[in-house]
Amino acid sequence: MGKPLGEGAGGNVRLITSRDSSQVLFAVKEFRHREEIESIRDYTKKLNAEYCIGLTLKHPNIIETIEIIHEATNHVYQVMEYCEYDLFAIVMSGKMSKAEIYCDFKQIMNGVKYMLDSGLAHRDLKLDNCVINSQGIVKIIDFGSAVVYRYPETEKINNATGIVGSDPYLAPEVVSNMTYDPRPADIWSAAIIFCCMLMRKFPWKSPRLSDSSFRQFADSFKDDKPVSAFSMSNRLLMSLPTEVQPLVKGMLTLDPVKRDTIDQCWEDPWLSSIQFCTLHYVYEDGSNSSLSDYNASEPVNGKRRKIKSKTLVSVAGHSHTNVDFDDAHIATLEKKKKKNEGKSH
């Protein structure tokens, strides 16, 4: 197996080069082994669900899932497109401009909108689950916790259960309610990603009142104040650029029923004004479209259009940060950190 790129509860990801002359790079996830208390049926169902969700989602801001491989040795692998950088590593480099941060966040929201409009909620949105390629295109990864909240041809919303995800990114209703609507939970997590990109630290460790930083944030919601007055009493919003404060307040509203929906976020004056890097696709049927329109990859007349070529459409006024491979992925950053810690002892 190739160089490690990342590791999580669902398995580990490595960089693999194709054996043919093209030398194409892929990210290959080796799924975790089945636990003793887990039935073969449940284990297989979970792995296939993650694969099928990834295969269904076709969008420039969603990682492309290519194939699943079941080996006789009980190893299961998922082959995906490779992106050169983890967004976490780029953010922590401290090299991002504000314009670049805004572009990347708009791309994340573009991917989230596509998922939610497709009836899917991610439930584990975080910096670690966003990657970015050398062209500056951000892609959401890891659908191991994703759920279908609405099935095709129905309007019924299916609530989610269970605490999944990382504490700093969790919406408060996820830790306090037995069941919850996963859509506003994804909106909350996306806002935390944005705050982390701007501040390079978490607003709080956990969305519980036992966390003093979160409690201070929650207390500022007790009175229904306009955004300007609210920001003055809210330490988190005060630390953010003025233009993004109304959007972040709406995305981090404590009550999930009152929290901004993805459509309300998209209509926010500031967010709607942000131009972002995207791809222009030309299809084999002769049609073409800019995939800043998140629906452009949807099937036409029941058949998914095959892509003939892709062209990057960059936004003038900013470039995207590049870092060395040793600083590009969480796995290599961890290895480097341990090596430096060993030298200090």
Protein backbone atom coordinates (compact mmCIF):
# COMPACT_ATOMS: atom_id res chain seq x y z
CA MET A 1 0.00 0.00 0.00
CA GLY A 2 1.09 3.58 -0.62
CA LYS A 3 1.70 6.58 1.58
CA PRO A 4 -0.84 7.22 4.36
CA LEU A 5 -3.18 10.18 3.88
CA GLY A 6 -5.52 9.90 6.86
CA GLU A 7 -7.06 7.61 9.44
CA GLY A 8 -10.41 7.57 11.21
CA ALA A 9 -12.95 5.34 12.91
CA GLY A 10 -14.12 4.00 9.55
CA GLY A 11 -10.69 3.00 8.26
CA ASN A 12 -7.49 4.44 6.83
CA VAL A 13 -6.76 6.12 3.50
CA ARG A 14 -3.61 5.73 1.42
CA LEU A 15 -2.25 7.14 -1.83
CA ILE A 16 -2.13 4.58 -4.65
CA THR A 17 -0.69 4.89 -8.17
CA SER A 18 -2.32 3.01 -11.04
CA ARG A 19 -0.22 0.19 -12.49
CA ASP A 20 -0.64 1.22 -16.12
CA SER A 21 1.41 3.80 -17.99
CA SER A 22 -0.96 6.64 -17.02
CA GLN A 23 0.33 6.61 -13.41
CA VAL A 24 -2.96 8.11 -12.18
CA LEU A 25 -3.14 8.78 -8.43
CA PHE A 26 -6.06 7.52 -6.34
CA ALA A 27 -7.05 7.75 -2.69
CA VAL A 28 -7.91 4.25 -1.46
CA LYS A 29 -9.78 3.73 1.80
CA GLU A 30 -9.31 0.42 3.57
CA PHE A 31 -12.43 -0.05 5.68
CA ARG A 32 -12.08 -1.06 9.30
CA HIS A 33 -12.45 -4.76 10.07
CA ARG A 34 -15.73 -6.11 11.38
CA GLU A 35 -16.08 -5.96 15.15
CA GLU A 36 -16.86 -9.15 17.08
CA ILE A 37 -20.25 -7.88 18.23
CA GLU A 38 -21.17 -6.81 14.68
CA SER A 39 -23.00 -9.19 12.37
CA ILE A 40 -21.64 -9.79 8.87
CA ARG A 41 -24.93 -8.47 7.49
CA ASP A 42 -24.77 -5.18 9.45
CA TYR A 43 -21.08 -4.70 8.61
CA THR A 44 -21.61 -5.30 4.90
CA LYS A 45 -24.72 -3.10 4.87
CA LYS A 46 -22.83 -0.17 6.42
CA LEU A 47 -19.91 -0.40 4.00
CA ASN A 48 -22.14 -0.75 0.95
CA ALA A 49 -24.31 2.17 2.12
CA GLU A 50 -21.28 4.46 2.33
CA TYR A 51 -20.12 3.33 -1.11
CA CYS A 52 -23.56 3.72 -2.71
CA ILE A 53 -24.04 7.21 -1.28
CA GLY A 54 -20.61 8.27 -2.56
CA LEU A 55 -21.30 6.75 -5.96
CA THR A 56 -24.68 8.53 -6.22
CA LEU A 57 -23.34 12.01 -5.46
CA LYS A 58 -21.92 13.61 -8.62
CA HIS A 59 -20.81 17.18 -8.03
CA PRO A 60 -17.54 19.16 -8.29
CA ASN A 61 -17.52 19.81 -4.53
CA ILE A 62 -18.08 16.15 -3.60
CA ILE A 63 -15.26 13.60 -3.82
CA GLU A 64 -15.73 11.17 -6.71
CA THR A 65 -16.22 7.57 -5.61
CA ILE A 66 -14.99 5.16 -8.28
CA GLU A 67 -15.12 1.55 -7.10
CA ILE A 68 -15.41 -0.81 -4.12
CA ILE A 69 -13.21 -3.92 -3.92
CA HIS A 70 -13.96 -6.95 -1.72
CA GLU A 71 -10.90 -9.18 -1.32
CA ALA A 72 -10.98 -12.84 -0.31
CA THR A 73 -8.85 -11.90 2.72
CA ASN A 74 -11.85 -9.96 4.13
CA HIS A 75 -10.23 -6.64 3.27
CA VAL A 76 -12.60 -4.11 1.69
CA TYR A 77 -11.32 -1.07 -0.21
CA GLN A 78 -13.01 1.99 -1.69
CA VAL A 79 -11.27 3.76 -4.57
CA MET A 80 -11.74 7.54 -4.86
CA GLU A 81 -10.24 10.45 -6.73
CA TYR A 82 -7.14 11.89 -5.09
CA CYS A 83 -6.88 15.51 -3.95
CA GLU A 84 -3.48 16.94 -3.14
CA TYR A 85 -4.34 18.64 0.16
CA ASP A 86 -6.45 18.23 3.29
CA LEU A 87 -8.24 21.51 3.97
CA PHE A 88 -7.25 21.19 7.64
CA ALA A 89 -3.57 21.26 6.65
CA ILE A 90 -4.05 24.28 4.38
CA VAL A 91 -5.92 26.19 7.11
CA MET A 92 -3.32 25.38 9.75
CA SER A 93 -0.51 26.55 7.44
CA GLY A 94 -1.66 30.10 8.20
CA LYS A 95 -1.08 31.09 4.57
CA MET A 96 -4.69 31.54 3.42
CA SER A 97 -5.93 34.97 2.37
CA LYS A 98 -9.41 36.12 3.36
CA ALA A 99 -10.53 35.91 -0.28
CA GLU A 100 -9.29 32.32 -0.46
CA ILE A 101 -11.12 31.40 2.75
CA TYR A 102 -14.33 32.93 1.40
CA CYS A 103 -13.94 31.03 -1.89
CA ASP A 104 -13.36 27.71 -0.11
CA PHE A 105 -16.29 28.22 2.24
CA LYS A 106 -18.63 29.05 -0.65
CA GLN A 107 -17.52 25.82 -2.34
CA ILE A 108 -18.25 23.84 0.84
CA MET A 109 -21.70 25.41 1.05
CA ASN A 110 -22.21 24.55 -2.63
CA GLY A 111 -21.50 20.90 -1.85
CA VAL A 112 -23.71 20.95 1.26
CA LYS A 113 -26.58 22.45 -0.73
CA TYR A 114 -26.27 19.74 -3.36
CA MET A 115 -26.35 17.00 -0.70
CA LEU A 116 -29.28 18.44 1.23
CA ASP A 117 -31.24 19.08 -1.96
CA SER A 118 -30.59 15.42 -2.86
CA GLY A 119 -32.22 14.23 0.39
CA LEU A 120 -28.94 13.40 2.13
CA ALA A 121 -27.36 14.82 5.28
CA HIS A 122 -23.63 14.29 5.94
CA ARG A 123 -23.68 14.46 9.78
CA ASP A 124 -19.87 14.60 10.09
CA LEU A 125 -18.94 17.85 8.39
CA LYS A 126 -15.57 19.11 9.63
CA LEU A 127 -12.29 20.46 8.28
CA ASP A 128 -10.85 16.93 8.35
CA ASN A 129 -13.58 15.82 5.92
CA CYS A 130 -12.81 18.45 3.30
CA VAL A 131 -9.99 18.10 0.79
CA ILE A 132 -8.79 20.42 -1.94
CA ASN A 133 -7.03 19.72 -5.21
CA SER A 134 -4.16 21.59 -6.84
CA GLN A 135 -6.66 23.68 -8.84
CA GLY A 136 -8.30 25.04 -5.69
CA ILE A 137 -11.49 22.94 -5.89
CA VAL A 138 -12.76 21.88 -2.45
CA LYS A 139 -14.42 18.48 -2.08
CA ILE A 140 -16.39 16.96 0.81
CA ILE A 141 -15.40 13.40 1.76
CA ASP A 142 -16.39 10.51 4.07
CA PHE A 143 -20.06 9.53 3.95
CA GLY A 144 -19.85 6.87 6.65
CA SER A 145 -22.27 8.79 8.90
CA ALA A 146 -24.53 10.14 6.13
CA VAL A 147 -28.27 9.48 6.27
CA VAL A 148 -31.18 9.76 3.86
CA TYR A 149 -33.52 12.23 5.52
CA ARG A 150 -35.98 12.35 2.61
CA TYR A 151 -36.63 9.68 0.01
CA PRO A 152 -37.48 10.51 -3.63
CA GLU A 153 -41.12 11.31 -4.40
CA THR A 154 -41.92 11.97 -0.72
CA GLU A 155 -42.03 15.05 1.49
CA LYS A 156 -41.66 13.19 4.79
CA ILE A 157 -38.57 14.16 6.81
CA ASN A 158 -36.88 11.29 8.64
CA ASN A 159 -35.16 12.34 11.84
CA ALA A 160 -31.70 11.03 12.70
CA THR A 161 -30.57 9.42 15.94
CA GLY A 162 -27.27 9.01 17.71
CA ILE A 163 -24.28 11.25 18.36
CA VAL A 164 -21.95 11.04 15.37
CA GLY A 165 -19.20 13.46 14.43
CA SER A 166 -16.58 15.37 16.41
CA ASP A 167 -17.57 17.29 19.54
CA PRO A 168 -16.48 20.82 18.48
CA TYR A 169 -18.56 20.58 15.28
CA LEU A 170 -21.72 19.08 16.81
CA ALA A 171 -24.97 21.05 16.91
CA PRO A 172 -26.42 21.33 20.44
CA GLU A 173 -29.56 19.34 19.57
CA VAL A 174 -27.40 16.36 18.54
CA VAL A 175 -26.08 15.96 22.09
CA SER A 176 -29.32 16.88 23.89
CA ASN A 177 -32.11 15.23 21.84
CA MET A 178 -32.91 11.57 21.21
CA THR A 179 -33.85 12.37 17.60
CA TYR A 180 -33.16 15.44 15.48
CA ASP A 181 -33.52 16.85 11.97
CA PRO A 182 -30.05 16.33 10.41
CA ARG A 183 -30.41 19.28 7.99
CA PRO A 184 -29.93 22.12 10.53
CA ALA A 185 -27.23 20.02 12.21
CA ASP A 186 -25.24 20.11 8.95
CA ILE A 187 -25.76 23.88 8.72
CA TRP A 188 -24.34 24.29 12.24
CA SER A 189 -21.29 22.14 11.44
CA ALA A 190 -20.60 24.12 8.25
CA ALA A 191 -20.61 27.34 10.30
CA ILE A 192 -18.08 25.86 12.73
CA ILE A 193 -15.85 24.95 9.77
CA PHE A 194 -16.05 28.57 8.61
CA CYS A 195 -15.18 29.90 12.08
CA CYS A 196 -12.20 27.54 12.24
CA MET A 197 -10.99 28.72 8.84
CA LEU A 198 -11.12 32.34 9.97
CA MET A 199 -9.77 31.94 13.52
CA ARG A 200 -7.66 28.75 13.18
CA LYS A 201 -9.13 27.46 16.43
CA PHE A 202 -12.43 26.03 17.69
CA PRO A 203 -15.00 28.40 19.24
CA TRP A 204 -15.55 25.75 21.96
CA LYS A 205 -14.66 22.14 22.72
CA SER A 206 -18.24 20.92 22.99
CA PRO A 207 -21.76 22.41 22.51
CA ARG A 208 -22.68 21.75 26.14
CA LEU A 209 -23.42 24.30 28.86
CA SER A 210 -20.61 22.75 30.91
CA ASP A 211 -18.25 24.31 28.34
CA SER A 212 -17.74 27.93 29.45
CA SER A 213 -17.11 29.25 25.92
CA PHE A 214 -20.28 27.65 24.59
CA ARG A 215 -22.28 28.78 27.64
CA GLN A 216 -21.22 32.39 27.02
CA PHE A 217 -22.30 32.05 23.39
CA ALA A 218 -25.64 30.49 24.36
CA ASP A 219 -26.34 33.19 26.97
CA SER A 220 -26.17 35.89 24.29
CA PHE A 221 -29.24 34.31 22.63
CA LYS A 222 -31.48 34.90 25.66
CA ASP A 223 -32.66 38.28 24.36
CA ASP A 224 -33.87 38.67 20.79
CA LYS A 225 -31.43 41.35 19.64
CA PRO A 226 -30.65 42.70 16.17
CA VAL A 227 -27.41 41.39 14.66
CA SER A 228 -25.41 44.54 15.48
CA ALA A 229 -26.38 44.50 19.17
CA PHE A 230 -26.09 40.72 19.32
CA SER A 231 -22.56 40.84 17.93
CA MET A 232 -21.49 43.31 20.62
CA SER A 233 -22.53 40.83 23.33
CA ASN A 234 -21.19 37.76 21.55
CA ARG A 235 -17.48 37.07 21.82
CA LEU A 236 -17.43 34.71 18.84
CA LEU A 237 -19.12 37.07 16.38
CA MET A 238 -16.97 39.96 17.58
CA SER A 239 -13.90 38.00 16.48
CA LEU A 240 -15.25 37.54 12.93
CA PRO A 241 -15.31 40.01 10.01
CA THR A 242 -18.38 42.27 10.16
CA GLU A 243 -19.69 41.19 6.76
CA VAL A 244 -20.02 37.52 7.76
CA GLN A 245 -21.65 38.05 11.17
CA PRO A 246 -25.33 37.94 10.06
CA LEU A 247 -24.78 34.66 8.20
CA VAL A 248 -22.87 33.01 11.05
CA LYS A 249 -25.50 34.14 13.58
CA GLY A 250 -28.22 32.57 11.43
CA MET A 251 -26.27 29.34 10.99
CA LEU A 252 -25.47 29.07 14.71
CA THR A 253 -28.94 29.86 16.03
CA LEU A 254 -29.46 27.55 19.00
CA ASP A 255 -33.01 26.51 18.11
CA PRO A 256 -32.72 24.23 15.03
CA VAL A 257 -36.24 25.22 13.93
CA LYS A 258 -35.19 28.89 13.77
CA ARG A 259 -31.73 28.20 12.35
CA ASP A 260 -31.16 29.35 8.77
CA THR A 261 -31.93 26.71 6.15
CA ILE A 262 -29.50 26.05 3.31
CA ASP A 263 -31.68 28.17 0.99
CA GLN A 264 -31.67 31.06 3.48
CA CYS A 265 -27.89 30.78 3.75
CA TRP A 266 -27.58 30.82 -0.03
CA GLU A 267 -29.69 34.00 -0.19
CA ASP A 268 -27.56 35.82 2.41
CA PRO A 269 -26.36 39.08 0.74
CA TRP A 270 -22.72 38.47 1.65
CA LEU A 271 -22.58 34.78 0.67
CA SER A 272 -24.47 35.34 -2.58
CA SER A 273 -21.94 38.03 -3.53
CA ILE A 274 -18.96 35.68 -3.20
CA GLN A 275 -17.55 34.42 -6.49
CA PHE A 276 -15.85 31.05 -6.21
CA CYS A 277 -13.57 28.83 -8.25
CA THR A 278 -15.42 26.04 -10.04
CA LEU A 279 -15.29 23.75 -13.04
CA HIS A 280 -16.83 24.12 -16.48
CA TYR A 281 -17.93 20.74 -17.86
CA VAL A 282 -18.39 19.84 -21.51
CA TYR A 283 -20.53 16.72 -22.02
CA GLU A 284 -20.32 14.08 -24.73
CA ASP A 285 -23.81 15.02 -25.91
CA GLY A 286 -22.49 18.47 -26.83
CA SER A 287 -24.05 20.35 -23.92
CA ASN A 288 -22.00 22.29 -21.44
CA SER A 289 -22.56 23.99 -18.12
CA SER A 290 -20.76 25.75 -15.30
CA LEU A 291 -20.97 23.58 -12.23
CA SER A 292 -21.30 26.56 -9.95
CA ASP A 293 -24.90 25.54 -10.67
CA TYR A 294 -24.98 22.55 -8.35
CA ASN A 295 -27.69 20.81 -10.39
CA ALA A 296 -25.60 20.66 -13.55
CA SER A 297 -24.45 17.10 -12.89
CA GLU A 298 -27.99 15.78 -12.44
CA PRO A 299 -29.30 13.16 -14.89
CA VAL A 300 -31.01 14.43 -18.04
CA ASN A 301 -34.05 12.42 -19.21
CA GLY A 302 -33.14 9.72 -16.70
CA LYS A 303 -29.60 9.31 -18.04
CA ARG A 304 -26.49 10.79 -16.48
CA ARG A 305 -24.51 12.77 -19.01
CA LYS A 306 -20.93 11.61 -19.59
CA ILE A 307 -18.29 14.30 -19.12
CA LYS A 308 -15.98 14.88 -22.07
CA SER A 309 -13.75 17.57 -20.56
CA LYS A 310 -13.34 19.77 -17.50
CA THR A 311 -12.02 23.33 -17.46
CA LEU A 312 -11.13 25.26 -14.32
CA VAL A 313 -12.86 28.61 -13.91
CA SER A 314 -10.77 30.59 -11.44
CA VAL A 315 -11.85 33.76 -9.69
CA ALA A 316 -9.56 36.72 -10.19
CA GLY A 317 -8.13 38.38 -7.10
CA HIS A 318 -6.91 35.36 -5.17
CA SER A 319 -4.82 32.23 -5.50
CA HIS A 320 -5.01 28.96 -3.58
CA THR A 321 -2.37 27.95 -1.05
CA ASN A 322 0.03 25.12 -1.85
CA VAL A 323 2.14 23.25 0.71
CA ASP A 324 4.71 20.43 0.51
CA PHE A 325 3.43 16.83 0.61
CA ASP A 326 4.80 16.39 4.15
CA ASP A 327 2.52 19.24 5.27
CA ALA A 328 -0.43 18.45 2.99
CA HIS A 329 -2.27 15.68 4.82
CA ILE A 330 -3.33 15.00 8.39
CA ALA A 331 -1.45 11.67 8.45
CA THR A 332 1.83 13.25 7.34
CA LEU A 333 1.34 16.16 9.77
CA GLU A 334 0.83 13.68 12.64
CA LYS A 335 3.94 11.74 11.61
CA LYS A 336 5.96 14.95 11.47
CA LYS A 337 4.62 16.03 14.87
CA LYS A 338 5.59 12.72 16.50
CA LYS A 339 9.03 12.89 14.92
CA ASN A 340 9.60 16.39 16.30
CA GLU A 341 8.33 15.33 19.73
CA GLY A 342 10.80 12.45 19.69
CA LYS A 343 13.67 14.83 18.98
CA SER A 344 12.71 17.07 21.91
CA HIS A 345 12.95 14.21 24.45
